[in-house]
């Protein structure tokens, strides 16, 4: 298992502020991953979602899950530097309880299947060990040139 700090994350994710939604990969191998996102009140979406009661939007929780899942994808043998991972499907998404400023969101997942650059992961988002959201995400790994990896 490997961990990754923000500098390593910036090497494999093309996202930048304000859309980089993970702060650290705690561990990752070819089958499992754990990452974290520190939720802070100064994030731009909290200005309008919702004034007086800031809640992290569900779509951004899903995006954070997808970004965390890339940590397992880049461990696959055919992953190449400069390749991109695209989210192509979301299934069984459930939101159990709000994520609010001050929370540390732990994103844990496992690779369910992977073949020829197409894969599926099951991801859970937890705060203090309590499930806040879960989903099955389908992704495709593309090489730098745009073809399948």
N, C-alpha and C. Protein backbone atom coordinates (compact mmCIF):
# COMPACT_ATOMS: atom_id res chain seq x y z
N UNK A 1 0.85 -1.19 0.00
CA UNK A 1 0.00 0.00 0.00
C UNK A 1 0.89 1.25 0.00
N UNK A 2 0.48 2.21 -0.78
CA UNK A 2 1.21 3.47 -0.83
C UNK A 2 0.29 4.60 -0.39
N UNK A 3 0.86 5.62 0.19
CA UNK A 3 0.15 6.85 0.50
C UNK A 3 0.65 7.95 -0.42
N UNK A 4 -0.12 9.02 -0.55
CA UNK A 4 0.28 10.10 -1.43
C UNK A 4 -0.06 11.44 -0.79
N UNK A 5 0.92 12.33 -0.78
CA UNK A 5 0.64 13.67 -0.29
C UNK A 5 0.09 14.52 -1.43
N UNK A 6 -0.20 15.76 -1.15
CA UNK A 6 -0.83 16.63 -2.15
C UNK A 6 0.03 16.80 -3.40
N UNK A 7 1.35 16.79 -3.23
CA UNK A 7 2.24 16.97 -4.39
C UNK A 7 2.14 15.78 -5.35
N UNK A 8 2.04 14.59 -4.82
CA UNK A 8 1.88 13.39 -5.65
C UNK A 8 0.50 13.37 -6.29
N UNK A 9 -0.52 13.79 -5.53
CA UNK A 9 -1.88 13.86 -6.06
C UNK A 9 -1.92 14.79 -7.28
N UNK A 10 -1.25 15.91 -7.18
CA UNK A 10 -1.22 16.87 -8.28
C UNK A 10 -0.55 16.30 -9.53
N UNK A 11 0.30 15.28 -9.36
CA UNK A 11 0.94 14.63 -10.50
C UNK A 11 -0.03 13.74 -11.28
N UNK A 12 -1.00 13.13 -10.58
CA UNK A 12 -1.88 12.19 -11.29
C UNK A 12 -3.29 12.69 -11.51
N UNK A 13 -3.70 13.77 -10.86
CA UNK A 13 -5.02 14.36 -11.13
C UNK A 13 -4.84 15.69 -11.85
N UNK A 14 -5.59 15.93 -12.90
CA UNK A 14 -5.49 17.21 -13.61
C UNK A 14 -6.25 18.34 -12.90
N UNK A 15 -7.06 18.02 -11.91
CA UNK A 15 -7.88 19.01 -11.23
C UNK A 15 -7.03 20.00 -10.43
N UNK A 16 -7.52 21.23 -10.36
CA UNK A 16 -6.89 22.28 -9.56
C UNK A 16 -8.00 23.05 -8.85
N UNK A 17 -7.59 23.94 -7.92
CA UNK A 17 -8.56 24.73 -7.18
C UNK A 17 -9.48 25.45 -8.16
N UNK A 18 -10.76 25.48 -7.90
CA UNK A 18 -11.46 24.99 -6.71
C UNK A 18 -12.01 23.57 -6.86
N UNK A 19 -11.50 22.81 -7.85
CA UNK A 19 -12.11 21.51 -8.11
C UNK A 19 -11.28 20.31 -7.68
N UNK A 20 -10.14 20.53 -7.07
CA UNK A 20 -9.38 19.43 -6.49
C UNK A 20 -10.00 19.14 -5.13
N UNK A 21 -10.58 17.96 -4.97
CA UNK A 21 -11.40 17.69 -3.80
C UNK A 21 -10.86 16.61 -2.87
N UNK A 22 -9.60 16.23 -3.03
CA UNK A 22 -8.99 15.35 -2.04
C UNK A 22 -7.68 16.00 -1.59
N UNK A 23 -7.33 15.77 -0.32
CA UNK A 23 -6.13 16.38 0.25
C UNK A 23 -4.99 15.39 0.44
N UNK A 24 -5.33 14.12 0.60
CA UNK A 24 -4.30 13.11 0.85
C UNK A 24 -4.85 11.73 0.52
N UNK A 25 -4.01 10.89 -0.05
CA UNK A 25 -4.34 9.48 -0.20
C UNK A 25 -3.62 8.77 0.94
N UNK A 26 -4.38 8.18 1.84
CA UNK A 26 -3.80 7.52 3.00
C UNK A 26 -3.15 6.19 2.62
N UNK A 27 -3.81 5.45 1.73
CA UNK A 27 -3.26 4.19 1.23
C UNK A 27 -3.96 3.80 -0.06
N UNK A 28 -3.22 3.12 -0.90
CA UNK A 28 -3.79 2.64 -2.16
C UNK A 28 -2.94 1.50 -2.69
N UNK A 29 -3.61 0.52 -3.28
CA UNK A 29 -2.94 -0.54 -4.03
C UNK A 29 -3.82 -0.85 -5.23
N UNK A 30 -3.66 -1.99 -5.87
CA UNK A 30 -4.42 -2.30 -7.08
C UNK A 30 -5.88 -2.64 -6.80
N UNK A 31 -6.28 -2.80 -5.54
CA UNK A 31 -7.65 -3.21 -5.22
C UNK A 31 -8.38 -2.28 -4.26
N UNK A 32 -7.67 -1.55 -3.40
CA UNK A 32 -8.30 -0.75 -2.34
C UNK A 32 -7.67 0.65 -2.26
N UNK A 33 -8.43 1.59 -1.71
CA UNK A 33 -7.89 2.92 -1.47
C UNK A 33 -8.60 3.58 -0.28
N UNK A 34 -7.89 4.49 0.36
CA UNK A 34 -8.43 5.36 1.41
C UNK A 34 -7.82 6.73 1.21
N UNK A 35 -8.68 7.74 1.16
CA UNK A 35 -8.21 9.11 0.97
C UNK A 35 -8.98 10.01 1.92
N UNK A 36 -8.50 11.25 2.06
CA UNK A 36 -9.23 12.18 2.92
C UNK A 36 -9.39 13.53 2.26
N UNK A 37 -10.46 14.17 2.67
CA UNK A 37 -10.75 15.54 2.26
C UNK A 37 -11.14 16.32 3.51
N UNK A 38 -10.39 17.37 3.78
CA UNK A 38 -10.74 18.26 4.88
C UNK A 38 -11.77 19.26 4.36
N UNK A 39 -12.92 19.28 4.96
CA UNK A 39 -14.01 20.16 4.52
C UNK A 39 -13.91 21.47 5.29
N UNK A 40 -13.71 22.57 4.56
CA UNK A 40 -13.54 23.87 5.21
C UNK A 40 -14.60 24.86 4.75
N UNK A 41 -14.96 25.76 5.63
CA UNK A 41 -16.05 26.70 5.36
C UNK A 41 -15.71 27.69 4.25
N UNK A 42 -14.43 27.88 3.96
CA UNK A 42 -14.07 28.86 2.92
C UNK A 42 -14.12 28.30 1.50
N UNK A 43 -14.64 27.09 1.33
CA UNK A 43 -14.81 26.54 -0.03
C UNK A 43 -15.94 27.30 -0.73
N UNK A 44 -15.77 27.61 -2.02
CA UNK A 44 -16.70 28.51 -2.70
C UNK A 44 -18.15 28.04 -2.74
N UNK A 45 -18.41 26.75 -2.78
CA UNK A 45 -19.79 26.27 -2.87
C UNK A 45 -20.60 26.56 -1.61
N UNK A 46 -19.94 26.76 -0.48
CA UNK A 46 -20.68 27.01 0.76
C UNK A 46 -21.34 28.39 0.80
N UNK A 47 -20.92 29.31 -0.07
CA UNK A 47 -21.58 30.62 -0.12
C UNK A 47 -23.05 30.50 -0.49
N UNK A 48 -23.37 29.53 -1.33
CA UNK A 48 -24.75 29.42 -1.79
C UNK A 48 -25.42 28.11 -1.43
N UNK A 49 -24.71 27.21 -0.76
CA UNK A 49 -25.28 25.87 -0.46
C UNK A 49 -25.06 25.51 0.99
N UNK A 50 -25.77 25.93 1.87
CA UNK A 50 -26.86 26.90 1.89
C UNK A 50 -26.47 28.01 2.85
N UNK A 51 -26.79 29.27 2.53
CA UNK A 51 -26.46 30.37 3.45
C UNK A 51 -27.09 30.12 4.82
N UNK A 52 -26.27 30.19 5.85
CA UNK A 52 -26.75 29.97 7.20
C UNK A 52 -26.69 28.51 7.64
N UNK A 53 -26.59 27.58 6.71
CA UNK A 53 -26.47 26.15 7.03
C UNK A 53 -25.67 25.47 5.91
N UNK A 54 -24.34 25.67 5.91
CA UNK A 54 -23.53 25.14 4.81
C UNK A 54 -23.48 23.62 4.81
N UNK A 55 -23.77 23.04 3.64
CA UNK A 55 -23.75 21.59 3.44
C UNK A 55 -22.96 21.33 2.15
N UNK A 56 -22.07 20.36 2.18
CA UNK A 56 -21.33 20.01 0.97
C UNK A 56 -22.30 19.36 -0.02
N UNK A 57 -22.38 19.89 -1.24
CA UNK A 57 -23.29 19.31 -2.22
C UNK A 57 -22.97 17.85 -2.53
N UNK A 58 -24.01 17.05 -2.70
CA UNK A 58 -23.84 15.63 -2.99
C UNK A 58 -23.02 15.38 -4.23
N UNK A 59 -23.19 16.21 -5.25
CA UNK A 59 -22.41 16.01 -6.47
C UNK A 59 -20.92 16.19 -6.22
N UNK A 60 -20.56 17.05 -5.27
CA UNK A 60 -19.15 17.23 -4.95
C UNK A 60 -18.62 16.09 -4.09
N UNK A 61 -19.48 15.49 -3.28
CA UNK A 61 -19.07 14.28 -2.55
C UNK A 61 -18.77 13.16 -3.54
N UNK A 62 -19.64 13.01 -4.54
CA UNK A 62 -19.42 12.01 -5.59
C UNK A 62 -18.12 12.31 -6.34
N UNK A 63 -17.88 13.56 -6.67
CA UNK A 63 -16.64 13.94 -7.37
C UNK A 63 -15.42 13.64 -6.51
N UNK A 64 -15.49 13.90 -5.20
CA UNK A 64 -14.38 13.58 -4.30
C UNK A 64 -14.13 12.07 -4.29
N UNK A 65 -15.22 11.29 -4.28
CA UNK A 65 -15.09 9.82 -4.35
C UNK A 65 -14.37 9.42 -5.63
N UNK A 66 -14.77 10.00 -6.75
CA UNK A 66 -14.18 9.66 -8.04
C UNK A 66 -12.69 10.04 -8.07
N UNK A 67 -12.35 11.21 -7.55
CA UNK A 67 -10.96 11.61 -7.51
C UNK A 67 -10.14 10.66 -6.64
N UNK A 68 -10.69 10.24 -5.51
CA UNK A 68 -9.99 9.29 -4.63
C UNK A 68 -9.80 7.96 -5.33
N UNK A 69 -10.78 7.52 -6.11
CA UNK A 69 -10.70 6.24 -6.81
C UNK A 69 -9.58 6.21 -7.84
N UNK A 70 -9.18 7.35 -8.34
CA UNK A 70 -8.09 7.39 -9.31
C UNK A 70 -6.81 6.81 -8.69
N UNK A 71 -6.68 6.88 -7.37
CA UNK A 71 -5.49 6.33 -6.70
C UNK A 71 -5.34 4.84 -6.94
N UNK A 72 -6.45 4.11 -7.04
CA UNK A 72 -6.38 2.68 -7.34
C UNK A 72 -6.20 2.45 -8.84
N UNK A 73 -6.76 3.31 -9.65
CA UNK A 73 -6.68 3.15 -11.10
C UNK A 73 -5.23 3.30 -11.56
N UNK A 74 -4.50 4.27 -11.02
CA UNK A 74 -3.12 4.48 -11.49
C UNK A 74 -2.18 3.36 -11.04
N UNK A 75 -2.65 2.48 -10.18
CA UNK A 75 -1.84 1.32 -9.76
C UNK A 75 -1.96 0.16 -10.76
N UNK A 76 -2.88 0.27 -11.71
CA UNK A 76 -3.08 -0.81 -12.69
C UNK A 76 -1.89 -0.86 -13.66
N UNK A 77 -1.49 -2.05 -14.06
CA UNK A 77 -0.30 -2.20 -14.91
C UNK A 77 -0.33 -1.38 -16.20
N UNK A 78 -1.49 -1.23 -16.82
CA UNK A 78 -1.53 -0.51 -18.10
C UNK A 78 -1.67 1.01 -17.95
N UNK A 79 -1.77 1.51 -16.72
CA UNK A 79 -1.86 2.96 -16.52
C UNK A 79 -0.54 3.61 -16.95
N UNK A 80 -0.66 4.68 -17.72
CA UNK A 80 0.51 5.37 -18.24
C UNK A 80 0.57 6.80 -17.70
N UNK A 81 1.76 7.33 -17.47
CA UNK A 81 1.86 8.74 -17.07
C UNK A 81 1.17 9.63 -18.09
N UNK A 82 0.45 10.60 -17.62
CA UNK A 82 -0.25 11.52 -18.52
C UNK A 82 -1.62 11.04 -18.95
N UNK A 83 -1.99 9.81 -18.58
CA UNK A 83 -3.32 9.31 -18.92
C UNK A 83 -4.39 10.00 -18.07
N UNK A 84 -5.60 9.92 -18.51
CA UNK A 84 -6.72 10.51 -17.77
C UNK A 84 -7.73 9.44 -17.42
N UNK A 85 -8.42 9.65 -16.31
CA UNK A 85 -9.48 8.76 -15.87
C UNK A 85 -10.77 9.56 -15.91
N UNK A 86 -11.77 9.03 -16.61
CA UNK A 86 -13.05 9.72 -16.75
C UNK A 86 -14.14 8.95 -16.02
N UNK A 87 -14.94 9.65 -15.26
CA UNK A 87 -16.12 9.09 -14.62
C UNK A 87 -17.19 8.93 -15.69
N UNK A 88 -17.70 7.71 -15.87
CA UNK A 88 -18.69 7.48 -16.92
C UNK A 88 -20.00 6.91 -16.39
N UNK A 89 -20.05 6.60 -15.09
CA UNK A 89 -21.30 6.08 -14.55
C UNK A 89 -21.36 6.18 -13.04
N UNK A 90 -22.56 6.41 -12.54
CA UNK A 90 -22.81 6.46 -11.10
C UNK A 90 -24.04 5.60 -10.84
N UNK A 91 -23.89 4.63 -9.96
CA UNK A 91 -25.00 3.74 -9.61
C UNK A 91 -25.10 3.63 -8.10
N UNK A 92 -26.30 3.35 -7.65
CA UNK A 92 -26.57 3.07 -6.23
C UNK A 92 -26.04 4.17 -5.30
N UNK A 93 -26.09 5.41 -5.74
CA UNK A 93 -25.64 6.52 -4.90
C UNK A 93 -26.68 6.78 -3.81
N UNK A 94 -26.20 6.88 -2.59
CA UNK A 94 -27.05 7.15 -1.43
C UNK A 94 -26.36 8.17 -0.54
N UNK A 95 -27.13 9.11 -0.04
CA UNK A 95 -26.62 10.12 0.87
C UNK A 95 -27.33 9.94 2.20
N UNK A 96 -26.57 9.66 3.24
CA UNK A 96 -27.14 9.28 4.53
C UNK A 96 -27.29 10.45 5.49
N UNK A 97 -26.32 11.37 5.47
CA UNK A 97 -26.29 12.47 6.43
C UNK A 97 -25.42 13.58 5.84
N UNK A 98 -25.70 14.84 6.14
CA UNK A 98 -24.91 15.94 5.55
C UNK A 98 -23.44 15.92 5.94
N UNK A 99 -22.63 16.46 5.04
CA UNK A 99 -21.22 16.72 5.29
C UNK A 99 -21.10 18.23 5.43
N UNK A 100 -20.51 18.68 6.52
CA UNK A 100 -20.48 20.12 6.83
C UNK A 100 -19.05 20.59 7.09
N UNK A 101 -18.83 21.91 7.04
CA UNK A 101 -17.49 22.44 7.34
C UNK A 101 -16.99 21.95 8.70
N UNK A 102 -15.71 21.61 8.72
CA UNK A 102 -15.09 21.07 9.92
C UNK A 102 -14.98 19.56 9.90
N UNK A 103 -15.73 18.91 9.00
CA UNK A 103 -15.66 17.45 8.88
C UNK A 103 -14.38 17.04 8.14
N UNK A 104 -13.88 15.87 8.49
CA UNK A 104 -12.83 15.21 7.72
C UNK A 104 -13.50 14.04 7.04
N UNK A 105 -13.60 14.12 5.75
CA UNK A 105 -14.28 13.11 4.96
C UNK A 105 -13.27 12.03 4.57
N UNK A 106 -13.53 10.81 4.99
CA UNK A 106 -12.68 9.68 4.63
C UNK A 106 -13.37 8.92 3.50
N UNK A 107 -12.67 8.77 2.40
CA UNK A 107 -13.20 8.13 1.20
C UNK A 107 -12.51 6.78 1.05
N UNK A 108 -13.28 5.71 1.23
CA UNK A 108 -12.73 4.35 1.19
C UNK A 108 -13.40 3.58 0.07
N UNK A 109 -12.61 2.80 -0.65
CA UNK A 109 -13.22 2.05 -1.72
C UNK A 109 -12.43 0.83 -2.12
N UNK A 110 -13.10 0.05 -2.94
CA UNK A 110 -12.47 -1.15 -3.48
C UNK A 110 -12.83 -1.30 -4.95
N UNK A 111 -11.90 -1.84 -5.69
CA UNK A 111 -12.11 -2.12 -7.10
C UNK A 111 -12.96 -3.37 -7.22
N UNK A 112 -14.10 -3.26 -7.87
CA UNK A 112 -15.00 -4.39 -8.06
C UNK A 112 -14.66 -5.18 -9.32
N UNK A 113 -14.33 -4.44 -10.38
CA UNK A 113 -13.95 -5.08 -11.64
C UNK A 113 -13.13 -4.11 -12.47
N UNK A 114 -12.26 -4.69 -13.28
CA UNK A 114 -11.42 -3.88 -14.14
C UNK A 114 -10.98 -4.72 -15.33
N UNK A 115 -11.17 -4.18 -16.53
CA UNK A 115 -10.75 -4.88 -17.73
C UNK A 115 -10.58 -3.88 -18.86
N UNK A 116 -9.43 -3.91 -19.49
CA UNK A 116 -9.16 -3.08 -20.66
C UNK A 116 -9.49 -1.61 -20.46
N UNK A 117 -9.12 -1.07 -19.33
CA UNK A 117 -9.30 0.35 -19.09
C UNK A 117 -10.68 0.74 -18.58
N UNK A 118 -11.59 -0.21 -18.44
CA UNK A 118 -12.92 0.08 -17.94
C UNK A 118 -13.08 -0.61 -16.59
N UNK A 119 -13.52 0.13 -15.59
CA UNK A 119 -13.62 -0.47 -14.27
C UNK A 119 -14.76 0.10 -13.45
N UNK A 120 -14.98 -0.55 -12.32
CA UNK A 120 -16.02 -0.13 -11.39
C UNK A 120 -15.47 -0.22 -9.97
N UNK A 121 -15.77 0.80 -9.17
CA UNK A 121 -15.37 0.82 -7.77
C UNK A 121 -16.59 1.04 -6.89
N UNK A 122 -16.54 0.49 -5.69
CA UNK A 122 -17.52 0.80 -4.66
C UNK A 122 -16.83 1.73 -3.69
N UNK A 123 -17.47 2.88 -3.39
CA UNK A 123 -16.85 3.88 -2.54
C UNK A 123 -17.81 4.28 -1.43
N UNK A 124 -17.25 4.46 -0.23
CA UNK A 124 -18.01 4.98 0.91
C UNK A 124 -17.33 6.24 1.40
N UNK A 125 -18.13 7.22 1.79
CA UNK A 125 -17.63 8.46 2.38
C UNK A 125 -18.08 8.47 3.83
N UNK A 126 -17.12 8.59 4.75
CA UNK A 126 -17.43 8.54 6.17
C UNK A 126 -16.85 9.75 6.89
N UNK A 127 -17.51 10.12 7.98
CA UNK A 127 -17.00 11.14 8.90
C UNK A 127 -17.03 10.51 10.29
N UNK A 128 -15.89 10.49 10.94
CA UNK A 128 -15.77 9.87 12.26
C UNK A 128 -16.32 8.44 12.27
N UNK A 129 -16.06 7.70 11.20
CA UNK A 129 -16.50 6.31 11.09
C UNK A 129 -17.96 6.12 10.73
N UNK A 130 -18.71 7.21 10.61
CA UNK A 130 -20.14 7.14 10.28
C UNK A 130 -20.35 7.35 8.79
N UNK A 131 -21.08 6.44 8.16
CA UNK A 131 -21.35 6.51 6.73
C UNK A 131 -22.17 7.76 6.40
N UNK A 132 -21.67 8.56 5.46
CA UNK A 132 -22.39 9.74 5.00
C UNK A 132 -22.90 9.57 3.58
N UNK A 133 -22.16 8.83 2.75
CA UNK A 133 -22.58 8.62 1.36
C UNK A 133 -21.89 7.37 0.83
N UNK A 134 -22.50 6.78 -0.20
CA UNK A 134 -21.91 5.61 -0.85
C UNK A 134 -22.36 5.58 -2.30
N UNK A 135 -21.56 4.94 -3.14
CA UNK A 135 -21.91 4.83 -4.56
C UNK A 135 -21.02 3.80 -5.24
N UNK A 136 -21.50 3.31 -6.38
CA UNK A 136 -20.69 2.51 -7.29
C UNK A 136 -20.38 3.43 -8.47
N UNK A 137 -19.10 3.58 -8.78
CA UNK A 137 -18.68 4.48 -9.84
C UNK A 137 -18.00 3.68 -10.95
N UNK A 138 -18.34 3.98 -12.18
CA UNK A 138 -17.71 3.35 -13.33
C UNK A 138 -16.79 4.38 -13.98
N UNK A 139 -15.61 3.94 -14.38
CA UNK A 139 -14.64 4.84 -14.96
C UNK A 139 -14.00 4.20 -16.19
N UNK A 140 -13.39 5.05 -17.00
CA UNK A 140 -12.61 4.59 -18.13
C UNK A 140 -11.25 5.27 -18.05
N UNK A 141 -10.21 4.49 -18.26
CA UNK A 141 -8.84 4.99 -18.27
C UNK A 141 -8.47 5.27 -19.72
N UNK A 142 -8.03 6.47 -20.01
CA UNK A 142 -7.63 6.86 -21.37
C UNK A 142 -6.17 7.27 -21.37
N UNK A 143 -5.49 6.95 -22.45
CA UNK A 143 -4.09 7.38 -22.59
C UNK A 143 -4.07 8.87 -22.92
N UNK A 144 -2.91 9.43 -22.89
CA UNK A 144 -2.73 10.85 -23.16
C UNK A 144 -3.27 11.26 -24.53
N UNK A 145 -3.17 10.36 -25.49
CA UNK A 145 -3.60 10.67 -26.84
C UNK A 145 -5.11 10.58 -27.03
N UNK A 146 -5.81 10.06 -26.01
CA UNK A 146 -7.26 9.99 -26.11
C UNK A 146 -7.77 8.59 -26.39
N UNK A 147 -6.89 7.65 -26.76
CA UNK A 147 -7.32 6.27 -26.99
C UNK A 147 -7.35 5.50 -25.69
N UNK A 148 -7.87 4.29 -25.73
CA UNK A 148 -7.89 3.44 -24.53
C UNK A 148 -6.47 3.11 -24.11
N UNK A 149 -6.29 2.99 -22.80
CA UNK A 149 -4.95 2.65 -22.27
C UNK A 149 -4.61 1.22 -22.57
